[in-house]
C-alpha atoms as a PDB file:
ATOM      1  CA  MET A   1       0.785 -26.051  22.858  1.00  0.00           C
ATOM      2  CA  THR A   2       3.191 -26.054  20.047  1.00  0.00           C
ATOM      3  CA  LYS A   3       6.142 -23.756  20.534  1.00  0.00           C
ATOM      4  CA  LEU A   4       6.109 -20.755  17.923  1.00  0.00           C
ATOM      5  CA  ASN A   5       8.998 -20.755  15.336  1.00  0.00           C
ATOM      6  CA  GLU A   6       9.783 -18.996  12.510  1.00  0.00           C
ATOM      7  CA  SER A   7       8.364 -21.270   9.894  1.00  0.00           C
ATOM      8  CA  ILE A   8       4.992 -21.716  12.024  1.00  0.00           C
ATOM      9  CA  ILE A   9       4.685 -17.943  12.032  1.00  0.00           C
ATOM     10  CA  ILE A  10       5.191 -17.361   8.464  1.00  0.00           C
ATOM     11  CA  LYS A  11       2.831 -20.128   7.500  1.00  0.00           C
ATOM     12  CA  ALA A  12       0.351 -18.227   9.599  1.00  0.00           C
ATOM     13  CA  PHE A  13       0.696 -15.032   7.292  1.00  0.00           C
ATOM     14  CA  LYS A  14      -0.529 -17.380   4.248  1.00  0.00           C
ATOM     15  CA  GLY A  15      -3.998 -16.077   3.207  1.00  0.00           C
ATOM     16  CA  THR A  16      -4.148 -13.296   5.721  1.00  0.00           C
ATOM     17  CA  GLY A  17      -3.227 -10.599   3.229  1.00  0.00           C
ATOM     18  CA  GLY A  18      -0.899  -9.352   6.038  1.00  0.00           C
ATOM     19  CA  VAL A  19      -3.455  -8.553   8.490  1.00  0.00           C
ATOM     20  CA  VAL A  20      -1.460  -9.293  11.760  1.00  0.00           C
ATOM     21  CA  SER A  21      -4.487  -9.749  13.744  1.00  0.00           C
ATOM     22  CA  ASP A  22      -5.635 -12.488  11.286  1.00  0.00           C
ATOM     23  CA  ALA A  23      -2.049 -14.318  11.620  1.00  0.00           C
ATOM     24  CA  ALA A  24      -2.182 -13.725  15.474  1.00  0.00           C
ATOM     25  CA  ARG A  25      -5.651 -15.361  15.654  1.00  0.00           C
ATOM     26  CA  LYS A  26      -4.371 -18.339  13.682  1.00  0.00           C
ATOM     27  CA  LEU A  27      -1.407 -18.586  16.112  1.00  0.00           C
ATOM     28  CA  LYS A  28      -3.417 -18.198  19.139  1.00  0.00           C
ATOM     29  CA  ILE A  29      -1.444 -15.321  20.481  1.00  0.00           C
ATOM     30  CA  THR A  30      -1.995 -11.440  20.800  1.00  0.00           C
ATOM     31  CA  ARG A  31      -1.349  -8.922  18.075  1.00  0.00           C
ATOM     32  CA  LYS A  32       1.382  -7.364  20.395  1.00  0.00           C
ATOM     33  CA  ALA A  33       2.957 -10.799  20.706  1.00  0.00           C
ATOM     34  CA  LEU A  34       3.348 -11.197  16.892  1.00  0.00           C
ATOM     35  CA  TYR A  35       4.483  -7.624  16.630  1.00  0.00           C
ATOM     36  CA  VAL A  36       7.515  -8.721  19.003  1.00  0.00           C
ATOM     37  CA  HIS A  37       8.248 -11.729  16.803  1.00  0.00           C
ATOM     38  CA  ILE A  38       8.011  -9.763  13.691  1.00  0.00           C
ATOM     39  CA  ALA A  39      10.471  -6.974  15.172  1.00  0.00           C
ATOM     40  CA  LYS A  40      12.869  -9.512  16.186  1.00  0.00           C
ATOM     41  CA  ASN A  41      12.966 -11.858  13.102  1.00  0.00           C
ATOM     42  CA  PRO A  42      13.730 -10.298   9.604  1.00  0.00           C
ATOM     43  CA  LYS A  43      12.394 -13.469   8.058  1.00  0.00           C
ATOM     44  CA  VAL A  44       9.132 -13.186   9.573  1.00  0.00           C
ATOM     45  CA  LYS A  45       9.080  -9.346   8.768  1.00  0.00           C
ATOM     46  CA  GLU A  46       9.768 -10.099   5.207  1.00  0.00           C
ATOM     47  CA  ALA A  47       7.194 -12.626   5.033  1.00  0.00           C
ATOM     48  CA  LEU A  48       4.675 -10.307   6.476  1.00  0.00           C
ATOM     49  CA  GLU A  49       5.674  -7.680   3.735  1.00  0.00           C
ATOM     50  CA  GLU A  50       5.563 -10.407   0.975  1.00  0.00           C
ATOM     51  CA  SER A  51       1.687 -11.417   2.249  1.00  0.00           C
ATOM     52  CA  ARG A  52       0.705  -7.648   2.015  1.00  0.00           C
ATOM     53  CA  GLU A  53       2.337  -7.288  -1.394  1.00  0.00           C
ATOM     54  CA  GLU A  54       0.181 -10.246  -2.595  1.00  0.00           C
ATOM     55  CA  MET A  55      -2.796  -8.548  -1.422  1.00  0.00           C
ATOM     56  CA  LEU A  56      -1.890  -5.668  -3.077  1.00  0.00           C
ATOM     57  CA  ASP A  57      -1.235  -7.553  -6.388  1.00  0.00           C
ATOM     58  CA  THR A  58      -4.845  -9.196  -5.856  1.00  0.00           C
ATOM     59  CA  ALA A  59      -6.453  -5.679  -5.448  1.00  0.00           C
ATOM     60  CA  GLU A  60      -4.646  -4.425  -8.346  1.00  0.00           C
ATOM     61  CA  GLY A  61      -5.825  -7.363 -10.609  1.00  0.00           C
ATOM     62  CA  ALA A  62      -9.367  -6.660  -9.297  1.00  0.00           C
ATOM     63  CA  LEU A  63      -9.196  -3.026 -10.249  1.00  0.00           C
ATOM     64  CA  PHE A  64      -7.904  -3.782 -13.699  1.00  0.00           C
ATOM     65  CA  THR A  65     -10.714  -6.309 -14.569  1.00  0.00           C
ATOM     66  CA  LYS A  66     -13.250  -3.702 -13.403  1.00  0.00           C
ATOM     67  CA  VAL A  67     -11.426  -1.044 -15.599  1.00  0.00           C
ATOM     68  CA  LYS A  68     -11.562  -3.470 -18.460  1.00  0.00           C
ATOM     69  CA  GLU A  69     -15.325  -4.002 -17.670  1.00  0.00           C
ATOM     70  CA  ASN A  70     -15.844  -0.309 -18.072  1.00  0.00           C
ATOM     71  CA  GLU A  71     -16.997  -0.108 -14.677  1.00  0.00           C
ATOM     72  CA  ILE A  72     -17.145   3.827 -14.308  1.00  0.00           C
ATOM     73  CA  ARG A  73     -16.221   4.102 -10.670  1.00  0.00           C
ATOM     74  CA  ALA A  74     -12.892   2.030 -11.216  1.00  0.00           C
ATOM     75  CA  VAL A  75     -12.339   3.836 -14.144  1.00  0.00           C
ATOM     76  CA  THR A  76     -12.686   7.038 -12.420  1.00  0.00           C
ATOM     77  CA  PHE A  77     -10.395   6.022  -9.585  1.00  0.00           C
ATOM     78  CA  TYR A  78      -7.769   4.796 -12.075  1.00  0.00           C
ATOM     79  CA  LEU A  79      -7.631   7.979 -14.106  1.00  0.00           C
ATOM     80  CA  LYS A  80      -7.492   9.939 -10.905  1.00  0.00           C
ATOM     81  CA  HIS A  81      -4.387   8.150  -9.338  1.00  0.00           C
ATOM     82  CA  GLN A  82      -2.612   7.080 -12.220  1.00  0.00           C
ATOM     83  CA  GLY A  83      -3.574   9.496 -14.992  1.00  0.00           C
ATOM     84  CA  LYS A  84      -2.644  12.785 -13.128  1.00  0.00           C
ATOM     85  CA  ASP A  85      -0.006  13.730 -15.705  1.00  0.00           C
ATOM     86  CA  ARG A  86      -2.530  13.494 -18.524  1.00  0.00           C
ATOM     87  CA  GLY A  87      -4.826  16.036 -16.550  1.00  0.00           C
ATOM     88  CA  TYR A  88      -7.214  13.569 -14.722  1.00  0.00           C
ATOM     89  CA  SER A  89      -6.982  15.020 -11.212  1.00  0.00           C
ATOM     90  CA  GLU A  90      -9.331  16.991  -9.147  1.00  0.00           C
ATOM     91  CA  HIS A  91      -6.489  19.124  -7.665  1.00  0.00           C
ATOM     92  CA  GLN A  92      -4.173  21.619  -9.140  1.00  0.00           C
ATOM     93  CA  ARG A  93      -0.270  21.182  -8.445  1.00  0.00           C
ATOM     94  CA  ILE A  94       1.935  24.484  -8.470  1.00  0.00           C
ATOM     95  CA  ASP A  95       5.534  23.688  -9.041  1.00  0.00           C
ATOM     96  CA  ALA A  96       7.543  25.450  -6.321  1.00  0.00           C
ATOM     97  CA  ASN A  97      10.261  26.434  -8.618  1.00  0.00           C
ATOM     98  CA  ILE A  98       7.693  27.887 -11.155  1.00  0.00           C
ATOM     99  CA  THR A  99       6.256  29.930  -8.364  1.00  0.00           C
ATOM    100  CA  GLY A 100       9.501  31.193  -7.214  1.00  0.00           C
ATOM    101  CA  GLU A 101      10.610  32.283 -10.728  1.00  0.00           C
ATOM    102  CA  ILE A 102       7.434  34.040 -11.354  1.00  0.00           C
ATOM    103  CA  ALA A 103       7.990  35.837  -7.709  1.00  0.00           C
ATOM    104  CA  VAL A 104      11.463  36.845  -8.930  1.00  0.00           C
ATOM    105  CA  LYS A 105      10.167  38.122 -12.263  1.00  0.00           C
ATOM    106  CA  ARG A 106       7.540  40.273 -10.652  1.00  0.00           C
ATOM    107  CA  LEU A 107      10.246  41.812  -8.205  1.00  0.00           C
ATOM    108  CA  LEU A 108      12.274  42.596 -11.223  1.00  0.00           C
ATOM    109  CA  ASP A 109       9.373  44.243 -13.295  1.00  0.00           C
ATOM    110  CA  ASP A 110       8.275  46.479 -10.456  1.00  0.00           C
END
């Protein structure tokens, strides 16, 4: 059995999208054992984070492709999450400062 070292663990993250159980399976160790290595080694932790960032980039790219193809669910999702400041939201936001000013004004008017 090959002794685990930093470079072997880092290589195991390649292609996993940062899914720890997938990397652990490649290494033939438990998730818990891999989490111990991640906690002890900053370079391993950084490799995990980088793998997750790469997957996030992939997902964003897929979303952007679907938006450009006018796929309505992708367009709706994008607008709900990125277009909030332009009014594309199902929820209303109340600014605490505005609420506080209104409450003070009402008290003074009474």
